[in-house]
Amino acid sequence: MSAVRRKPRGYHAERVRDALLAQVEFVRLAAHELPAERLTRPSGLAGWDVGLLLTHLAQEIDALPRLLAGPAPRAARPEIGLDGWAARTAGSAAELDRETRDAAERRPDCRAAIDGAAEELEAVVETGVREDLLLPHPFGAMRALDFAVTRVVELVVHSDDLTRATGAPVRLDRQALAITVRMLADALATRAPGASTELRVPPFVAVQCLAGPRHTRGTPPNVVESDPITWLRLATGRLDWPAAVASGRLRPSGERAAALADELPVLG
């Protein structure tokens, strides 16, 4: 039986805007509160110290203003959506590393870079969450609202990276965390379509995935349940399945549930 095509999740423009601006402000405040000596600590990301991570965060914040300032794409309709973006991020890792190091050389003050990017974003964010506007993303023409969702995801993921690297918790906006958890769960459901297993990340999302016998009512035979932060780290490769299960924060049940481990991470 072929998998039922999943309808893409809709995101409310005002909620995405508010979540994006809130998480930018939490990142900005965290950057300014970090002592200078912590900037040279390892970030947990290969080859990057905390200073490079902050530079990358500045670039992620500034990406929406940069694309808005670029030429309109030739495409008349979106060529890539959120699931396609998630599937292709791993392939751009080397280019992102090069761009981040170049940016750090041009502007070594990572805090000032974040401040400047935040100002640029605030000036254009209303345009940046439009559903009817296409942006010239390197992966293909993309709706501005979808790209704004990816900015929320990047900021939440890297805010958590910053927390783990420095030991100084970076606040996560609740709506920004919800958007991130849902987008990553949807990316998994696209990557592993089916209805044999249910991924639950309360209180934000539950999705069905993995080919196999479909359940129609009640509790499905295969369930994977996680808290939001554990799911975020699993879905982005920051945490592996055995460690998550051993911690008790990932709870798989049913003979098919463990097969989800083969589909992770969903975001590189």
Protein backbone atom coordinates (compact mmCIF):
# COMPACT_ATOMS: atom_id res chain seq x y z
CA MET A 1 0.00 0.00 0.00
CA SER A 2 1.44 3.38 -0.95
CA ALA A 3 1.91 5.99 1.74
CA VAL A 4 -0.71 8.72 1.96
CA ARG A 5 0.72 12.06 0.89
CA ARG A 6 0.96 14.33 3.92
CA LYS A 7 -0.40 17.84 3.58
CA PRO A 8 2.26 20.43 4.50
CA ARG A 9 1.70 22.10 7.85
CA GLY A 10 0.63 25.72 7.75
CA TYR A 11 2.35 28.37 9.86
CA HIS A 12 0.75 31.60 11.01
CA ALA A 13 2.79 34.57 9.78
CA GLU A 14 2.36 36.68 12.91
CA ARG A 15 3.36 33.81 15.19
CA VAL A 16 6.44 33.08 13.11
CA ARG A 17 7.37 36.77 13.17
CA ASP A 18 6.96 37.04 16.93
CA ALA A 19 8.85 33.80 17.57
CA LEU A 20 11.70 34.86 15.31
CA LEU A 21 12.09 38.28 16.90
CA ALA A 22 11.86 36.85 20.42
CA GLN A 23 14.55 34.23 19.79
CA VAL A 24 16.81 36.79 18.13
CA GLU A 25 16.57 38.94 21.24
CA PHE A 26 17.38 35.99 23.52
CA VAL A 27 20.44 35.20 21.38
CA ARG A 28 21.54 38.83 21.43
CA LEU A 29 21.24 39.09 25.20
CA ALA A 30 23.08 35.78 25.72
CA ALA A 31 25.93 36.89 23.46
CA HIS A 32 26.45 40.09 25.44
CA GLU A 33 26.35 38.28 28.77
CA LEU A 34 29.11 35.82 27.83
CA PRO A 35 32.55 36.62 29.29
CA ALA A 36 35.18 37.13 26.61
CA GLU A 37 37.16 34.05 27.70
CA ARG A 38 34.23 31.78 26.85
CA LEU A 39 34.34 32.77 23.18
CA THR A 40 37.35 30.53 22.61
CA ARG A 41 35.78 27.44 24.16
CA PRO A 42 34.78 24.55 21.86
CA SER A 43 31.22 24.94 20.65
CA GLY A 44 30.51 21.23 20.25
CA LEU A 45 30.31 21.74 16.48
CA ALA A 46 33.28 20.37 14.54
CA GLY A 47 36.09 22.91 14.34
CA TRP A 48 34.12 25.82 15.75
CA ASP A 49 34.67 27.70 18.96
CA VAL A 50 31.89 29.70 20.61
CA GLY A 51 32.94 32.85 18.78
CA LEU A 52 32.43 31.15 15.41
CA LEU A 53 29.07 29.83 16.57
CA LEU A 54 28.01 33.38 17.42
CA THR A 55 29.25 34.58 14.03
CA HIS A 56 27.15 31.87 12.41
CA LEU A 57 24.13 32.96 14.44
CA ALA A 58 24.62 36.50 13.13
CA GLN A 59 24.64 35.13 9.60
CA GLU A 60 21.46 33.14 10.21
CA ILE A 61 19.71 36.25 11.53
CA ASP A 62 20.91 38.31 8.57
CA ALA A 63 19.98 35.72 5.95
CA LEU A 64 16.38 36.90 5.63
CA PRO A 65 17.31 40.57 5.02
CA ARG A 66 19.99 39.44 2.54
CA LEU A 67 17.58 37.37 0.47
CA LEU A 68 14.94 40.09 0.56
CA ALA A 69 17.52 42.51 -0.83
CA GLY A 70 18.46 40.16 -3.67
CA PRO A 71 16.87 39.83 -7.12
CA ALA A 72 13.49 38.15 -7.32
CA PRO A 73 13.66 34.50 -8.40
CA ARG A 74 12.63 33.66 -11.94
CA ALA A 75 10.32 30.89 -10.75
CA ALA A 76 6.61 31.68 -10.66
CA ARG A 77 5.95 29.31 -7.78
CA PRO A 78 7.89 27.77 -4.87
CA GLU A 79 10.47 25.21 -5.95
CA ILE A 80 11.36 24.04 -2.46
CA GLY A 81 9.46 23.85 0.82
CA LEU A 82 10.40 23.14 4.41
CA ASP A 83 10.83 19.39 3.97
CA GLY A 84 13.06 19.91 0.94
CA TRP A 85 15.11 22.47 2.82
CA ALA A 86 15.63 20.06 5.72
CA ALA A 87 16.68 17.26 3.37
CA ARG A 88 19.36 19.39 1.71
CA THR A 89 20.97 21.14 4.68
CA ALA A 90 23.59 18.47 5.28
CA GLY A 91 24.97 18.98 1.80
CA SER A 92 25.67 22.66 2.46
CA ALA A 93 27.76 22.15 5.62
CA ALA A 94 31.13 22.79 3.97
CA GLU A 95 29.91 25.98 2.32
CA LEU A 96 28.43 27.25 5.60
CA ASP A 97 31.72 26.59 7.36
CA ARG A 98 33.62 28.59 4.75
CA GLU A 99 31.13 31.46 4.85
CA THR A 100 31.22 31.57 8.64
CA ARG A 101 35.02 31.72 8.77
CA ASP A 102 35.08 34.43 6.08
CA ALA A 103 32.48 36.44 8.02
CA ALA A 104 34.52 36.12 11.23
CA GLU A 105 37.59 37.52 9.44
CA ARG A 106 35.64 40.45 8.02
CA ARG A 107 33.90 41.25 11.30
CA PRO A 108 35.69 39.72 14.29
CA ASP A 109 33.34 41.32 16.84
CA CYS A 110 30.65 38.64 16.86
CA ARG A 111 28.47 40.52 19.34
CA ALA A 112 28.38 43.60 17.13
CA ALA A 113 27.60 41.36 14.15
CA ILE A 114 24.57 39.94 15.98
CA ASP A 115 23.39 43.42 16.98
CA GLY A 116 23.65 44.64 13.40
CA ALA A 117 21.89 41.60 11.99
CA ALA A 118 19.08 41.95 14.53
CA GLU A 119 18.51 45.56 13.48
CA GLU A 120 18.44 44.61 9.80
CA LEU A 121 15.95 41.83 10.47
CA GLU A 122 13.60 43.98 12.52
CA ALA A 123 13.43 46.51 9.69
CA VAL A 124 12.19 43.96 7.13
CA VAL A 125 10.53 41.21 9.15
CA GLU A 126 6.96 42.13 8.16
CA THR A 127 7.86 41.56 4.51
CA GLY A 128 9.89 38.52 5.47
CA VAL A 129 6.87 36.52 6.67
CA ARG A 130 4.70 37.03 3.59
CA GLU A 131 3.23 33.89 2.04
CA ASP A 132 2.90 35.45 -1.42
CA LEU A 133 6.55 36.49 -1.78
CA LEU A 134 9.24 34.22 -3.22
CA LEU A 135 12.88 34.46 -2.19
CA PRO A 136 15.91 33.41 -4.26
CA HIS A 137 17.19 30.67 -1.97
CA PRO A 138 20.23 28.70 -3.21
CA PHE A 139 18.15 25.49 -3.06
CA GLY A 140 15.41 27.03 -5.22
CA ALA A 141 12.64 29.62 -5.01
CA MET A 142 11.14 29.55 -1.51
CA ARG A 143 8.20 31.29 0.12
CA ALA A 144 9.34 34.05 2.43
CA LEU A 145 7.22 32.63 5.27
CA ASP A 146 8.80 29.20 4.88
CA PHE A 147 12.27 30.71 4.92
CA ALA A 148 11.37 32.66 8.07
CA VAL A 149 10.38 29.34 9.66
CA THR A 150 13.84 27.97 8.82
CA ARG A 151 15.38 30.97 10.60
CA VAL A 152 13.40 30.11 13.72
CA VAL A 153 14.63 26.51 13.51
CA GLU A 154 18.27 27.53 13.04
CA LEU A 155 18.12 29.97 15.95
CA VAL A 156 16.54 27.48 18.33
CA VAL A 157 18.98 24.69 17.39
CA HIS A 158 22.02 26.94 17.76
CA SER A 159 20.70 28.54 20.93
CA ASP A 160 20.70 25.05 22.41
CA ASP A 161 24.23 24.53 21.05
CA LEU A 162 25.28 27.72 22.82
CA THR A 163 23.71 26.58 26.07
CA ARG A 164 25.58 23.26 25.97
CA ALA A 165 28.86 24.88 24.97
CA THR A 166 28.93 27.61 27.60
CA GLY A 167 26.88 26.24 30.48
CA ALA A 168 24.94 29.52 30.42
CA PRO A 169 21.34 28.71 29.45
CA VAL A 170 19.99 30.64 26.46
CA ARG A 171 16.27 31.18 26.78
CA LEU A 172 14.07 29.50 24.19
CA ASP A 173 10.88 31.27 23.19
CA ARG A 174 8.03 28.78 23.64
CA GLN A 175 6.51 29.47 20.24
CA ALA A 176 9.92 29.26 18.58
CA LEU A 177 10.53 25.88 20.24
CA ALA A 178 7.09 24.66 19.14
CA ILE A 179 7.74 25.68 15.52
CA THR A 180 11.11 23.93 15.56
CA VAL A 181 9.81 20.70 17.10
CA ARG A 182 6.93 20.54 14.63
CA MET A 183 9.06 21.26 11.58
CA LEU A 184 11.59 18.57 12.52
CA ALA A 185 8.81 16.05 13.18
CA ASP A 186 7.22 16.82 9.82
CA ALA A 187 10.60 16.38 8.13
CA LEU A 188 10.86 12.93 9.71
CA ALA A 189 7.34 12.02 8.53
CA THR A 190 8.33 13.02 4.98
CA ARG A 191 11.60 11.14 5.14
CA ALA A 192 9.98 7.96 6.52
CA PRO A 193 6.36 8.03 5.31
CA GLY A 194 3.85 5.62 6.71
CA ALA A 195 1.54 5.07 9.65
CA SER A 196 2.96 2.16 11.62
CA THR A 197 4.64 4.31 14.27
CA GLU A 198 3.69 7.49 16.06
CA LEU A 199 6.25 10.04 17.21
CA ARG A 200 4.95 12.11 20.11
CA VAL A 201 6.65 15.23 21.42
CA PRO A 202 4.21 16.67 23.94
CA PRO A 203 2.87 19.24 24.16
CA PHE A 204 3.72 20.27 20.62
CA VAL A 205 3.25 17.53 18.05
CA ALA A 206 2.42 13.94 17.15
CA VAL A 207 3.09 12.54 13.68
CA GLN A 208 2.75 9.13 12.07
CA CYS A 209 5.64 7.66 10.13
CA LEU A 210 7.35 4.45 8.95
CA ALA A 211 5.82 2.05 6.48
CA GLY A 212 4.04 -0.97 7.92
CA PRO A 213 0.66 -1.96 9.30
CA ARG A 214 -1.53 1.10 9.79
CA HIS A 215 -3.41 1.62 13.04
CA THR A 216 -6.86 3.18 12.83
CA ARG A 217 -7.97 3.78 16.40
CA GLY A 218 -6.72 3.92 19.96
CA THR A 219 -3.09 3.74 20.94
CA PRO A 220 -0.87 2.60 18.07
CA PRO A 221 1.31 -0.49 18.64
CA ASN A 222 4.52 1.45 18.04
CA VAL A 223 5.11 4.75 19.81
CA VAL A 224 8.17 6.92 20.34
CA GLU A 225 7.78 9.69 22.91
CA SER A 226 10.28 12.41 23.74
CA ASP A 227 10.51 15.77 25.43
CA PRO A 228 11.09 18.72 23.06
CA ILE A 229 14.80 19.28 23.74
CA THR A 230 15.71 15.60 23.43
CA TRP A 231 13.82 15.43 20.13
CA LEU A 232 15.54 18.59 18.87
CA ARG A 233 18.97 17.10 19.63
CA LEU A 234 18.11 13.71 18.11
CA ALA A 235 16.69 15.24 14.95
CA THR A 236 19.79 17.38 14.40
CA GLY A 237 22.42 14.78 15.25
CA ARG A 238 23.44 16.32 18.57
CA LEU A 239 22.35 13.19 20.48
CA ASP A 240 22.26 9.56 19.42
CA TRP A 241 19.42 7.11 19.96
CA PRO A 242 21.07 4.80 22.54
CA ALA A 243 22.09 7.74 24.75
CA ALA A 244 18.62 9.25 24.53
CA VAL A 245 16.98 5.95 25.48
CA ALA A 246 19.47 5.38 28.32
CA SER A 247 18.65 8.82 29.72
CA GLY A 248 14.98 7.90 29.98
CA ARG A 249 14.00 10.98 28.00
CA LEU A 250 13.27 8.98 24.84
CA ARG A 251 10.71 6.23 25.33
CA PRO A 252 10.21 3.83 22.39
CA SER A 253 7.64 1.03 22.60
CA GLY A 254 6.70 -1.60 20.07
CA GLU A 255 8.83 -3.70 17.73
CA ARG A 256 8.89 -1.06 14.96
CA ALA A 257 9.70 1.96 17.13
CA ALA A 258 13.47 1.48 17.15
CA ALA A 259 13.50 1.61 13.34
CA LEU A 260 13.16 5.40 13.64
CA ALA A 261 16.79 5.51 14.71
CA ASP A 262 17.78 4.66 11.11
CA GLU A 263 16.03 7.81 9.85
CA LEU A 264 17.92 10.24 12.09
CA PRO A 265 19.13 12.88 11.93
CA VAL A 266 16.68 14.71 9.69
CA LEU A 267 18.57 18.00 9.72
CA GLY A 268 22.30 18.18 9.12
